Amino acid sequence: SIAGRNLRRGAWLMGALAVGAIAFVGYRLWSSGFEWGKFTASLAGLDPFWLGISLLLVALTYVGRALRWAVMIRPLRPNAPLWPIFQATAIGFTAIVFFGRPGEI
């Protein structure tokens, strides 16, 4: 259908814009004298156990946020499946991590 085609086109456009923004930020970091040696040294020094624990806790915060959204949309959709809500929440909050909040500027 035309609506489905427009939705896919919009999704591709948003994806292309996101890739472009990430490439721009990467270029700015690369050309600004960012000290990649120190950055990679700090990553090499990470303890895998604590990294795993922290990633698990981050994932659990997304589950908590998805549960909160499920409660908030209950009047609109009483038995909304948790997995799609979790996916949308993870995408939304990950975008905030990458791009920040517009009001913070």
Protein backbone atom coordinates (compact mmCIF):
# COMPACT_ATOMS: atom_id res chain seq x y z
CA SER A 1 0.00 0.00 0.00
CA ILE A 2 1.03 3.61 -0.38
CA ALA A 3 1.03 4.26 3.36
CA GLY A 4 3.30 1.26 3.96
CA ARG A 5 5.66 2.41 1.24
CA ASN A 6 5.81 5.91 2.70
CA LEU A 7 6.45 4.47 6.15
CA ARG A 8 9.34 2.35 4.83
CA ARG A 9 10.74 5.34 2.94
CA GLY A 10 10.54 7.43 6.12
CA ALA A 11 12.27 4.69 8.12
CA TRP A 12 15.08 4.51 5.55
CA LEU A 13 15.41 8.29 5.62
CA MET A 14 15.61 8.36 9.42
CA GLY A 15 18.17 5.56 9.34
CA ALA A 16 20.25 7.43 6.77
CA LEU A 17 20.06 10.61 8.86
CA ALA A 18 21.15 8.69 11.96
CA VAL A 19 24.10 7.12 10.12
CA GLY A 20 25.03 10.54 8.76
CA ALA A 21 24.88 12.11 12.22
CA ILE A 22 27.03 9.34 13.69
CA ALA A 23 29.54 9.71 10.85
CA PHE A 24 29.65 13.47 11.39
CA VAL A 25 30.26 13.11 15.12
CA GLY A 26 32.92 10.46 14.43
CA TYR A 27 34.65 12.72 11.94
CA ARG A 28 34.57 15.63 14.39
CA LEU A 29 36.06 13.45 17.12
CA TRP A 30 38.72 12.09 14.80
CA SER A 31 39.75 15.50 13.49
CA SER A 32 39.57 17.37 16.80
CA GLY A 33 42.66 15.83 18.37
CA PHE A 34 40.72 13.22 20.34
CA GLU A 35 43.28 11.03 22.12
CA TRP A 36 42.35 7.61 20.76
CA GLY A 37 45.29 5.93 22.49
CA LYS A 38 44.02 6.90 25.92
CA PHE A 39 40.49 5.92 24.93
CA THR A 40 41.49 2.43 23.76
CA ALA A 41 43.76 1.99 26.79
CA SER A 42 40.84 2.75 29.08
CA LEU A 43 38.67 0.23 27.21
CA ALA A 44 41.41 -2.40 27.39
CA GLY A 45 41.54 -1.95 31.16
CA LEU A 46 37.86 -2.79 31.68
CA ASP A 47 37.05 -5.73 33.91
CA PRO A 48 34.76 -8.03 31.88
CA PHE A 49 32.84 -9.07 35.01
CA TRP A 50 31.90 -5.51 35.97
CA LEU A 51 31.19 -4.61 32.35
CA GLY A 52 28.78 -7.54 32.14
CA ILE A 53 27.10 -6.57 35.42
CA SER A 54 26.69 -2.97 34.25
CA LEU A 55 25.20 -4.03 30.89
CA LEU A 56 22.78 -6.34 32.70
CA LEU A 57 21.69 -3.51 34.99
CA VAL A 58 21.21 -1.18 32.01
CA ALA A 59 19.03 -3.82 30.34
CA LEU A 60 17.01 -4.18 33.53
CA THR A 61 16.36 -0.43 33.61
CA TYR A 62 14.90 -0.77 30.10
CA VAL A 63 12.67 -3.59 31.36
CA GLY A 64 11.54 -1.36 34.23
CA ARG A 65 10.78 1.48 31.83
CA ALA A 66 8.87 -0.86 29.53
CA LEU A 67 6.80 -2.10 32.47
CA ARG A 68 6.05 1.51 33.42
CA TRP A 69 4.90 2.23 29.85
CA ALA A 70 2.75 -0.90 29.86
CA VAL A 71 0.99 0.41 32.98
CA MET A 72 0.57 3.89 31.49
CA ILE A 73 -0.96 2.65 28.23
CA ARG A 74 -3.21 0.10 29.95
CA PRO A 75 -6.33 2.31 29.47
CA LEU A 76 -5.64 2.35 25.71
CA ARG A 77 -4.48 -1.24 25.29
CA PRO A 78 -5.08 -3.43 28.35
CA ASN A 79 -3.00 -6.45 27.26
CA ALA A 80 -0.18 -4.80 25.35
CA PRO A 81 2.72 -7.23 24.79
CA LEU A 82 5.85 -6.28 26.71
CA TRP A 83 8.42 -7.12 24.00
CA PRO A 84 7.39 -4.37 21.50
CA ILE A 85 7.21 -1.86 24.35
CA PHE A 86 10.69 -2.95 25.47
CA GLN A 87 12.04 -2.53 21.93
CA ALA A 88 10.58 0.96 21.54
CA THR A 89 11.88 1.97 24.97
CA ALA A 90 15.37 0.66 24.26
CA ILE A 91 15.50 2.46 20.90
CA GLY A 92 14.24 5.71 22.41
CA PHE A 93 16.58 5.79 25.38
CA THR A 94 19.55 4.66 23.31
CA ALA A 95 18.90 7.59 20.98
CA ILE A 96 19.04 9.88 24.01
CA VAL A 97 22.39 8.36 24.99
CA PHE A 98 23.81 8.88 21.48
CA PHE A 99 22.29 12.25 20.63
CA GLY A 100 21.33 13.80 23.97
CA ARG A 101 18.19 15.74 24.69
CA PRO A 102 17.52 18.75 22.47
CA GLY A 103 16.70 20.89 25.51
CA GLU A 104 20.17 20.35 26.99
CA ILE A 105 21.76 22.60 24.38
